[in-house]
């Protein structure tokens, strides 16, 4: 696999509002909240922000392990020919991965 274009570290607060009611006694970060962290991290990197455009399109998403309160995550981004590949890890394992369709290329061009 190629070297990351960008790497971001994200700490999920113990009192993150997404944990409210999801799930009592066994809090897990909802997938939509994790995806928001991925997209916000991509938008902070100018090269990636230009590639995803104003209306990001997720091509693939895989949730691999639960994210608990206080998790320290690392998000790696790699530029592919037609997508931005991303992977989220917590140090011991990958917790999610996926692809964002690039908006900066001609989507009508042959693959």
Protein backbone atom coordinates (compact mmCIF):
# COMPACT_ATOMS: atom_id res chain seq x y z
CA UNK A 1 0.00 0.00 0.00
CA UNK A 2 1.27 3.49 -0.81
CA UNK A 3 2.34 6.04 1.77
CA UNK A 4 -0.39 8.16 3.36
CA UNK A 5 -1.06 11.57 1.82
CA UNK A 6 -2.26 12.74 5.22
CA UNK A 7 -2.54 11.30 8.70
CA UNK A 8 -4.74 12.78 11.41
CA UNK A 9 -5.02 11.87 15.06
CA UNK A 10 -8.46 12.15 16.65
CA UNK A 11 -9.40 11.68 20.28
CA UNK A 12 -13.01 10.68 20.91
CA UNK A 13 -14.12 12.45 24.08
CA UNK A 14 -15.51 10.31 26.87
CA UNK A 15 -18.51 12.66 27.04
CA UNK A 16 -19.07 12.86 23.24
CA UNK A 17 -22.81 13.53 22.77
CA UNK A 18 -23.10 10.66 20.27
CA UNK A 19 -22.67 8.19 23.14
CA UNK A 20 -25.92 9.33 24.78
CA UNK A 21 -28.27 6.37 24.47
CA UNK A 22 -25.93 4.47 22.12
CA UNK A 23 -25.87 2.07 24.08
CA UNK A 24 -26.50 2.38 27.84
CA UNK A 25 -23.87 0.44 29.75
CA UNK A 26 -21.90 -0.35 26.56
CA UNK A 27 -21.32 2.98 24.77
CA UNK A 28 -20.29 2.70 21.12
CA UNK A 29 -19.60 5.59 18.74
CA UNK A 30 -22.26 5.49 16.00
CA UNK A 31 -20.89 4.92 12.51
CA UNK A 32 -22.25 8.25 11.28
CA UNK A 33 -20.22 10.07 13.97
CA UNK A 34 -17.08 8.19 12.93
CA UNK A 35 -17.71 9.10 9.28
CA UNK A 36 -18.09 12.74 10.31
CA UNK A 37 -14.63 12.57 11.93
CA UNK A 38 -13.19 11.11 8.71
CA UNK A 39 -14.75 13.79 6.48
CA UNK A 40 -13.82 16.64 8.83
CA UNK A 41 -10.24 15.36 8.94
CA UNK A 42 -10.11 15.20 5.13
CA UNK A 43 -11.43 18.75 4.85
CA UNK A 44 -8.62 20.04 7.10
CA UNK A 45 -6.02 18.91 4.55
CA UNK A 46 -6.07 21.25 1.51
CA UNK A 47 -5.09 18.56 -1.01
CA UNK A 48 -7.82 16.22 0.20
CA UNK A 49 -10.40 18.99 0.48
CA UNK A 50 -9.84 19.83 -3.19
CA UNK A 51 -10.23 16.16 -4.12
CA UNK A 52 -13.49 15.53 -2.26
CA UNK A 53 -15.22 18.76 -3.26
CA UNK A 54 -18.23 20.32 -1.57
CA UNK A 55 -20.43 17.21 -1.70
CA UNK A 56 -18.36 14.15 -0.72
CA UNK A 57 -19.57 10.80 -2.01
CA UNK A 58 -18.71 7.70 -0.05
CA UNK A 59 -17.96 4.80 -2.41
CA UNK A 60 -17.23 2.15 0.24
CA UNK A 61 -17.49 2.03 4.03
CA UNK A 62 -16.59 -0.89 6.31
CA UNK A 63 -17.02 -0.79 10.08
CA UNK A 64 -14.62 -3.35 11.53
CA UNK A 65 -14.62 -2.83 15.31
CA UNK A 66 -16.46 -0.70 17.87
CA UNK A 67 -15.11 2.68 18.97
CA UNK A 68 -15.45 3.29 22.69
CA UNK A 69 -15.35 6.52 24.74
CA UNK A 70 -11.85 7.97 25.08
CA UNK A 71 -10.52 6.18 21.99
CA UNK A 72 -7.42 7.63 20.37
CA UNK A 73 -7.74 7.13 16.62
CA UNK A 74 -5.41 7.57 13.66
CA UNK A 75 -6.93 8.28 10.25
CA UNK A 76 -4.74 7.66 7.19
CA UNK A 77 -5.66 8.93 3.72
CA UNK A 78 -4.22 7.73 0.42
CA UNK A 79 -4.96 9.11 -3.05
CA UNK A 80 -6.06 6.56 -5.61
CA UNK A 81 -6.77 7.13 -9.29
CA UNK A 82 -10.52 7.52 -8.71
CA UNK A 83 -10.95 7.49 -4.94
CA UNK A 84 -9.40 8.61 -1.68
CA UNK A 85 -8.83 5.53 0.42
CA UNK A 86 -9.04 5.96 4.18
CA UNK A 87 -8.42 3.75 7.18
CA UNK A 88 -9.12 4.41 10.87
CA UNK A 89 -7.16 2.56 13.53
CA UNK A 90 -7.02 2.64 17.31
CA UNK A 91 -3.44 1.43 17.62
CA UNK A 92 -4.29 -2.23 18.10
CA UNK A 93 -6.54 -2.73 15.09
CA UNK A 94 -8.40 -1.12 12.23
CA UNK A 95 -11.85 0.07 13.26
CA UNK A 96 -13.10 1.30 9.87
CA UNK A 97 -12.03 1.76 6.27
CA UNK A 98 -13.47 3.03 3.04
CA UNK A 99 -13.23 5.16 -0.05
CA UNK A 100 -14.43 8.62 -1.02
CA UNK A 101 -15.07 9.20 -4.72
CA UNK A 102 -12.80 11.93 -6.05
CA UNK A 103 -14.64 15.03 -7.26
CA UNK A 104 -11.55 16.55 -8.86
CA UNK A 105 -11.45 14.14 -11.81
CA UNK A 106 -13.77 13.64 -14.75
CA UNK A 107 -16.32 11.13 -13.48
CA UNK A 108 -17.39 10.39 -17.03
CA UNK A 109 -13.94 9.13 -18.04
CA UNK A 110 -13.44 5.37 -18.53
CA UNK A 111 -12.14 3.52 -15.46
